[in-house]
Structures are given as C-alpha cells and as structure tokens.
Amino acid sequence: MNLTIEIEQEKDGHFLAEVIGFPGVLAYGQTKEEAIARVQALALRVLADKLEHGEVTHSSS
C-alpha cells in the first residue's frame, strides 16, 4: 500500500505532514522525517481501526 504524503513547513519551522485520502490524518514534527514517521504511524492506526470495523473493502488481485 502506498500513501501519498503532503508536507508543509509552518512559519514556526515545524513540519506538518498529511496523508492524502485519509481525512484528518495529519501530524506535526520538528523535522520532515519526524512528521512523516508520525503521520505514517497514525495512518496505519486509522487503517487498522477501519479494517477491524469492516470499513475497508478487500479487492482480489
């Protein structure tokens, strides 16, 4: 699974990372790497929760 992450640097120097297609999945970090790591972890938690509750459809390959 590939996640598209958008990163912006805030005026205060912190970075904001957001996963496109996952509403509300965003995270701050002091560095780009930290923001990316945090938002990836959050996206995986959100995806796991959706899978547990049957909110994700499975496609066969």
PDB file of N, CA and C in Angstrom:
ATOM      1  N   MET A   1       0.847  -1.175   0.000  1.00  0.00           N
ATOM      2  CA  MET A   1       0.000   0.000   0.000  1.00  0.00           C
ATOM      3  C   MET A   1       0.890   1.234   0.000  1.00  0.00           C
ATOM      4  N   ASN A   2       0.613   2.130  -0.892  1.00  0.00           N
ATOM      5  CA  ASN A   2       1.361   3.387  -0.953  1.00  0.00           C
ATOM      6  C   ASN A   2       0.520   4.520  -0.388  1.00  0.00           C
ATOM      7  N   LEU A   3       1.143   5.339   0.419  1.00  0.00           N
ATOM      8  CA  LEU A   3       0.477   6.512   0.975  1.00  0.00           C
ATOM      9  C   LEU A   3       1.070   7.752   0.320  1.00  0.00           C
ATOM     10  N   THR A   4       0.204   8.669  -0.074  1.00  0.00           N
ATOM     11  CA  THR A   4       0.674   9.939  -0.598  1.00  0.00           C
ATOM     12  C   THR A   4       0.682  10.931   0.551  1.00  0.00           C
ATOM     13  N   ILE A   5       1.868  11.457   0.848  1.00  0.00           N
ATOM     14  CA  ILE A   5       2.025  12.365   1.986  1.00  0.00           C
ATOM     15  C   ILE A   5       2.401  13.745   1.468  1.00  0.00           C
ATOM     16  N   GLU A   6       1.680  14.734   1.947  1.00  0.00           N
ATOM     17  CA  GLU A   6       1.967  16.129   1.610  1.00  0.00           C
ATOM     18  C   GLU A   6       2.606  16.773   2.836  1.00  0.00           C
ATOM     19  N   ILE A   7       3.684  17.515   2.613  1.00  0.00           N
ATOM     20  CA  ILE A   7       4.410  18.128   3.726  1.00  0.00           C
ATOM     21  C   ILE A   7       4.490  19.631   3.522  1.00  0.00           C
ATOM     22  N   GLU A   8       4.236  20.362   4.594  1.00  0.00           N
ATOM     23  CA  GLU A   8       4.351  21.818   4.582  1.00  0.00           C
ATOM     24  C   GLU A   8       5.201  22.246   5.772  1.00  0.00           C
ATOM     25  N   GLN A   9       5.983  23.283   5.580  1.00  0.00           N
ATOM     26  CA  GLN A   9       6.728  23.829   6.703  1.00  0.00           C
ATOM     27  C   GLN A   9       5.957  25.034   7.228  1.00  0.00           C
ATOM     28  N   GLU A  10       5.679  25.014   8.501  1.00  0.00           N
ATOM     29  CA  GLU A  10       4.940  26.095   9.149  1.00  0.00           C
ATOM     30  C   GLU A  10       5.864  27.293   9.395  1.00  0.00           C
ATOM     31  N   LYS A  11       5.262  28.425   9.691  1.00  0.00           N
ATOM     32  CA  LYS A  11       6.045  29.645   9.950  1.00  0.00           C
ATOM     33  C   LYS A  11       6.981  29.496  11.134  1.00  0.00           C
ATOM     34  N   ASP A  12       6.585  28.655  12.091  1.00  0.00           N
ATOM     35  CA  ASP A  12       7.419  28.460  13.287  1.00  0.00           C
ATOM     36  C   ASP A  12       8.553  27.454  13.054  1.00  0.00           C
ATOM     37  N   GLY A  13       8.647  26.917  11.828  1.00  0.00           N
ATOM     38  CA  GLY A  13       9.717  25.986  11.498  1.00  0.00           C
ATOM     39  C   GLY A  13       9.334  24.521  11.586  1.00  0.00           C
ATOM     40  N   HIS A  14       8.232  24.207  12.260  1.00  0.00           N
ATOM     41  CA  HIS A  14       7.779  22.821  12.354  1.00  0.00           C
ATOM     42  C   HIS A  14       7.227  22.370  11.004  1.00  0.00           C
ATOM     43  N   PHE A  15       7.138  21.055  10.840  1.00  0.00           N
ATOM     44  CA  PHE A  15       6.606  20.481   9.611  1.00  0.00           C
ATOM     45  C   PHE A  15       5.268  19.816   9.890  1.00  0.00           C
ATOM     46  N   LEU A  16       4.363  19.962   8.941  1.00  0.00           N
ATOM     47  CA  LEU A  16       3.057  19.338   9.015  1.00  0.00           C
ATOM     48  C   LEU A  16       2.966  18.345   7.864  1.00  0.00           C
ATOM     49  N   ALA A  17       2.694  17.091   8.181  1.00  0.00           N
ATOM     50  CA  ALA A  17       2.537  16.049   7.166  1.00  0.00           C
ATOM     51  C   ALA A  17       1.098  15.564   7.191  1.00  0.00           C
ATOM     52  N   GLU A  18       0.545  15.376   5.995  1.00  0.00           N
ATOM     53  CA  GLU A  18      -0.843  14.941   5.859  1.00  0.00           C
ATOM     54  C   GLU A  18      -0.907  13.823   4.833  1.00  0.00           C
ATOM     55  N   VAL A  19      -1.712  12.795   5.132  1.00  0.00           N
ATOM     56  CA  VAL A  19      -1.902  11.699   4.190  1.00  0.00           C
ATOM     57  C   VAL A  19      -3.108  12.040   3.320  1.00  0.00           C
ATOM     58  N   ILE A  20      -2.864  12.143   2.021  1.00  0.00           N
ATOM     59  CA  ILE A  20      -3.928  12.454   1.081  1.00  0.00           C
ATOM     60  C   ILE A  20      -4.868  11.250   0.993  1.00  0.00           C
ATOM     61  N   GLY A  21      -6.158  11.516   1.072  1.00  0.00           N
ATOM     62  CA  GLY A  21      -7.147  10.442   1.008  1.00  0.00           C
ATOM     63  C   GLY A  21      -7.551   9.890   2.359  1.00  0.00           C
ATOM     64  N   PHE A  22      -6.891  10.347   3.433  1.00  0.00           N
ATOM     65  CA  PHE A  22      -7.253   9.957   4.793  1.00  0.00           C
ATOM     66  C   PHE A  22      -7.622  11.235   5.549  1.00  0.00           C
ATOM     67  N   PRO A  23      -8.875  11.644   5.489  1.00  0.00           N
ATOM     68  CA  PRO A  23      -9.271  12.895   6.140  1.00  0.00           C
ATOM     69  C   PRO A  23      -8.869  12.943   7.617  1.00  0.00           C
ATOM     70  N   GLY A  24      -8.252  14.027   8.013  1.00  0.00           N
ATOM     71  CA  GLY A  24      -7.868  14.224   9.404  1.00  0.00           C
ATOM     72  C   GLY A  24      -6.584  13.539   9.824  1.00  0.00           C
ATOM     73  N   VAL A  25      -5.928  12.817   8.925  1.00  0.00           N
ATOM     74  CA  VAL A  25      -4.694  12.128   9.284  1.00  0.00           C
ATOM     75  C   VAL A  25      -3.526  13.065   8.977  1.00  0.00           C
ATOM     76  N   LEU A  26      -3.126  13.785  10.021  1.00  0.00           N
ATOM     77  CA  LEU A  26      -2.005  14.707   9.898  1.00  0.00           C
ATOM     78  C   LEU A  26      -1.240  14.750  11.192  1.00  0.00           C
ATOM     79  N   ALA A  27       0.033  15.123  11.070  1.00  0.00           N
ATOM     80  CA  ALA A  27       0.895  15.119  12.255  1.00  0.00           C
ATOM     81  C   ALA A  27       1.986  16.164  12.092  1.00  0.00           C
ATOM     82  N   TYR A  28       2.406  16.713  13.210  1.00  0.00           N
ATOM     83  CA  TYR A  28       3.494  17.690  13.241  1.00  0.00           C
ATOM     84  C   TYR A  28       4.791  17.021  13.653  1.00  0.00           C
ATOM     85  N   GLY A  29       5.896  17.616  13.236  1.00  0.00           N
ATOM     86  CA  GLY A  29       7.213  17.162  13.667  1.00  0.00           C
ATOM     87  C   GLY A  29       8.196  18.315  13.596  1.00  0.00           C
ATOM     88  N   GLN A  30       9.277  18.201  14.342  1.00  0.00           N
ATOM     89  CA  GLN A  30      10.307  19.237  14.306  1.00  0.00           C
ATOM     90  C   GLN A  30      11.133  19.139  13.029  1.00  0.00           C
ATOM     91  N   THR A  31      11.147  17.945  12.422  1.00  0.00           N
ATOM     92  CA  THR A  31      11.840  17.732  11.151  1.00  0.00           C
ATOM     93  C   THR A  31      10.857  17.071  10.187  1.00  0.00           C
ATOM     94  N   LYS A  32      11.203  17.088   8.887  1.00  0.00           N
ATOM     95  CA  LYS A  32      10.363  16.407   7.895  1.00  0.00           C
ATOM     96  C   LYS A  32      10.248  14.935   8.241  1.00  0.00           C
ATOM     97  N   GLU A  33      11.370  14.337   8.585  1.00  0.00           N
ATOM     98  CA  GLU A  33      11.401  12.905   8.881  1.00  0.00           C
ATOM     99  C   GLU A  33      10.500  12.546  10.049  1.00  0.00           C
ATOM    100  N   GLU A  34      10.534  13.378  11.084  1.00  0.00           N
ATOM    101  CA  GLU A  34       9.694  13.131  12.256  1.00  0.00           C
ATOM    102  C   GLU A  34       8.215  13.260  11.895  1.00  0.00           C
ATOM    103  N   ALA A  35       7.861  14.270  11.138  1.00  0.00           N
ATOM    104  CA  ALA A  35       6.465  14.464  10.731  1.00  0.00           C
ATOM    105  C   ALA A  35       5.994  13.290   9.872  1.00  0.00           C
ATOM    106  N   ILE A  36       6.835  12.832   8.953  1.00  0.00           N
ATOM    107  CA  ILE A  36       6.483  11.700   8.098  1.00  0.00           C
ATOM    108  C   ILE A  36       6.297  10.439   8.925  1.00  0.00           C
ATOM    109  N   ALA A  37       7.212  10.161   9.829  1.00  0.00           N
ATOM    110  CA  ALA A  37       7.109   8.964  10.665  1.00  0.00           C
ATOM    111  C   ALA A  37       5.825   8.991  11.497  1.00  0.00           C
ATOM    112  N   ARG A  38       5.516  10.135  12.047  1.00  0.00           N
ATOM    113  CA  ARG A  38       4.315  10.245  12.885  1.00  0.00           C
ATOM    114  C   ARG A  38       3.045  10.065  12.071  1.00  0.00           C
ATOM    115  N   VAL A  39       3.000  10.677  10.877  1.00  0.00           N
ATOM    116  CA  VAL A  39       1.772  10.580  10.081  1.00  0.00           C
ATOM    117  C   VAL A  39       1.616   9.174   9.503  1.00  0.00           C
ATOM    118  N   GLN A  40       2.716   8.490   9.187  1.00  0.00           N
ATOM    119  CA  GLN A  40       2.622   7.108   8.719  1.00  0.00           C
ATOM    120  C   GLN A  40       2.073   6.209   9.826  1.00  0.00           C
ATOM    121  N   ALA A  41       2.561   6.384  11.031  1.00  0.00           N
ATOM    122  CA  ALA A  41       2.077   5.587  12.165  1.00  0.00           C
ATOM    123  C   ALA A  41       0.591   5.833  12.402  1.00  0.00           C
ATOM    124  N   LEU A  42       0.178   7.088  12.324  1.00  0.00           N
ATOM    125  CA  LEU A  42      -1.231   7.423  12.523  1.00  0.00           C
ATOM    126  C   LEU A  42      -2.089   6.816  11.416  1.00  0.00           C
ATOM    127  N   ALA A  43      -1.636   6.897  10.175  1.00  0.00           N
ATOM    128  CA  ALA A  43      -2.390   6.334   9.055  1.00  0.00           C
ATOM    129  C   ALA A  43      -2.566   4.824   9.238  1.00  0.00           C
ATOM    130  N   LEU A  44      -1.535   4.140   9.700  1.00  0.00           N
ATOM    131  CA  LEU A  44      -1.641   2.698   9.929  1.00  0.00           C
ATOM    132  C   LEU A  44      -2.628   2.382  11.044  1.00  0.00           C
ATOM    133  N   ARG A  45      -2.647   3.207  12.094  1.00  0.00           N
ATOM    134  CA  ARG A  45      -3.621   3.003  13.172  1.00  0.00           C
ATOM    135  C   ARG A  45      -5.050   3.191  12.657  1.00  0.00           C
ATOM    136  N   VAL A  46      -5.248   4.233  11.842  1.00  0.00           N
ATOM    137  CA  VAL A  46      -6.578   4.509  11.283  1.00  0.00           C
ATOM    138  C   VAL A  46      -7.007   3.362  10.376  1.00  0.00           C
ATOM    139  N   LEU A  47      -6.092   2.901   9.533  1.00  0.00           N
ATOM    140  CA  LEU A  47      -6.403   1.793   8.634  1.00  0.00           C
ATOM    141  C   LEU A  47      -6.741   0.526   9.423  1.00  0.00           C
ATOM    142  N   ALA A  48      -5.975   0.227  10.456  1.00  0.00           N
ATOM    143  CA  ALA A  48      -6.237  -0.952  11.285  1.00  0.00           C
ATOM    144  C   ALA A  48      -7.621  -0.859  11.926  1.00  0.00           C
ATOM    145  N   ASP A  49      -7.987   0.317  12.403  1.00  0.00           N
ATOM    146  CA  ASP A  49      -9.300   0.508  13.017  1.00  0.00           C
ATOM    147  C   ASP A  49     -10.408   0.291  11.987  1.00  0.00           C
ATOM    148  N   LYS A  50     -10.210   0.826  10.777  1.00  0.00           N
ATOM    149  CA  LYS A  50     -11.210   0.637   9.726  1.00  0.00           C
ATOM    150  C   LYS A  50     -11.341  -0.838   9.352  1.00  0.00           C
ATOM    151  N   LEU A  51     -10.229  -1.551   9.285  1.00  0.00           N
ATOM    152  CA  LEU A  51     -10.279  -2.982   8.983  1.00  0.00           C
ATOM    153  C   LEU A  51     -11.024  -3.747  10.071  1.00  0.00           C
ATOM    154  N   GLU A  52     -10.755  -3.421  11.330  1.00  0.00           N
ATOM    155  CA  GLU A  52     -11.430  -4.082  12.451  1.00  0.00           C
ATOM    156  C   GLU A  52     -12.935  -3.901  12.395  1.00  0.00           C
ATOM    157  N   HIS A  53     -13.371  -2.736  11.915  1.00  0.00           N
ATOM    158  CA  HIS A  53     -14.799  -2.418  11.889  1.00  0.00           C
ATOM    159  C   HIS A  53     -15.434  -2.673  10.529  1.00  0.00           C
ATOM    160  N   GLY A  54     -14.715  -3.353   9.643  1.00  0.00           N
ATOM    161  CA  GLY A  54     -15.271  -3.718   8.342  1.00  0.00           C
ATOM    162  C   GLY A  54     -15.518  -2.548   7.416  1.00  0.00           C
ATOM    163  N   GLU A  55     -14.798  -1.461   7.606  1.00  0.00           N
ATOM    164  CA  GLU A  55     -15.000  -0.275   6.799  1.00  0.00           C
ATOM    165  C   GLU A  55     -14.136  -0.241   5.537  1.00  0.00           C
ATOM    166  N   VAL A  56     -13.282  -1.236   5.364  1.00  0.00           N
ATOM    167  CA  VAL A  56     -12.401  -1.284   4.194  1.00  0.00           C
ATOM    168  C   VAL A  56     -12.800  -2.486   3.358  1.00  0.00           C
ATOM    169  N   THR A  57     -12.992  -2.249   2.068  1.00  0.00           N
ATOM    170  CA  THR A  57     -13.330  -3.365   1.186  1.00  0.00           C
ATOM    171  C   THR A  57     -12.044  -3.993   0.673  1.00  0.00           C
ATOM    172  N   HIS A  58     -12.077  -5.283   0.492  1.00  0.00           N
ATOM    173  CA  HIS A  58     -10.913  -6.020   0.007  1.00  0.00           C
ATOM    174  C   HIS A  58     -11.071  -6.258  -1.480  1.00  0.00           C
ATOM    175  N   SER A  59      -9.994  -6.085  -2.212  1.00  0.00           N
ATOM    176  CA  SER A  59     -10.026  -6.379  -3.648  1.00  0.00           C
ATOM    177  C   SER A  59      -9.130  -7.575  -3.913  1.00  0.00           C
ATOM    178  N   SER A  60      -9.544  -8.408  -4.833  1.00  0.00           N
ATOM    179  CA  SER A  60      -8.722  -9.565  -5.164  1.00  0.00           C
ATOM    180  C   SER A  60      -7.808  -9.218  -6.327  1.00  0.00           C
ATOM    181  N   SER A  61      -6.579  -9.763  -6.316  1.00  0.00           N
ATOM    182  CA  SER A  61      -5.617  -9.470  -7.369  1.00  0.00           C
ATOM    183  C   SER A  61      -5.530 -10.597  -8.349  1.00  0.00           C
TER     184      SER A  61
END
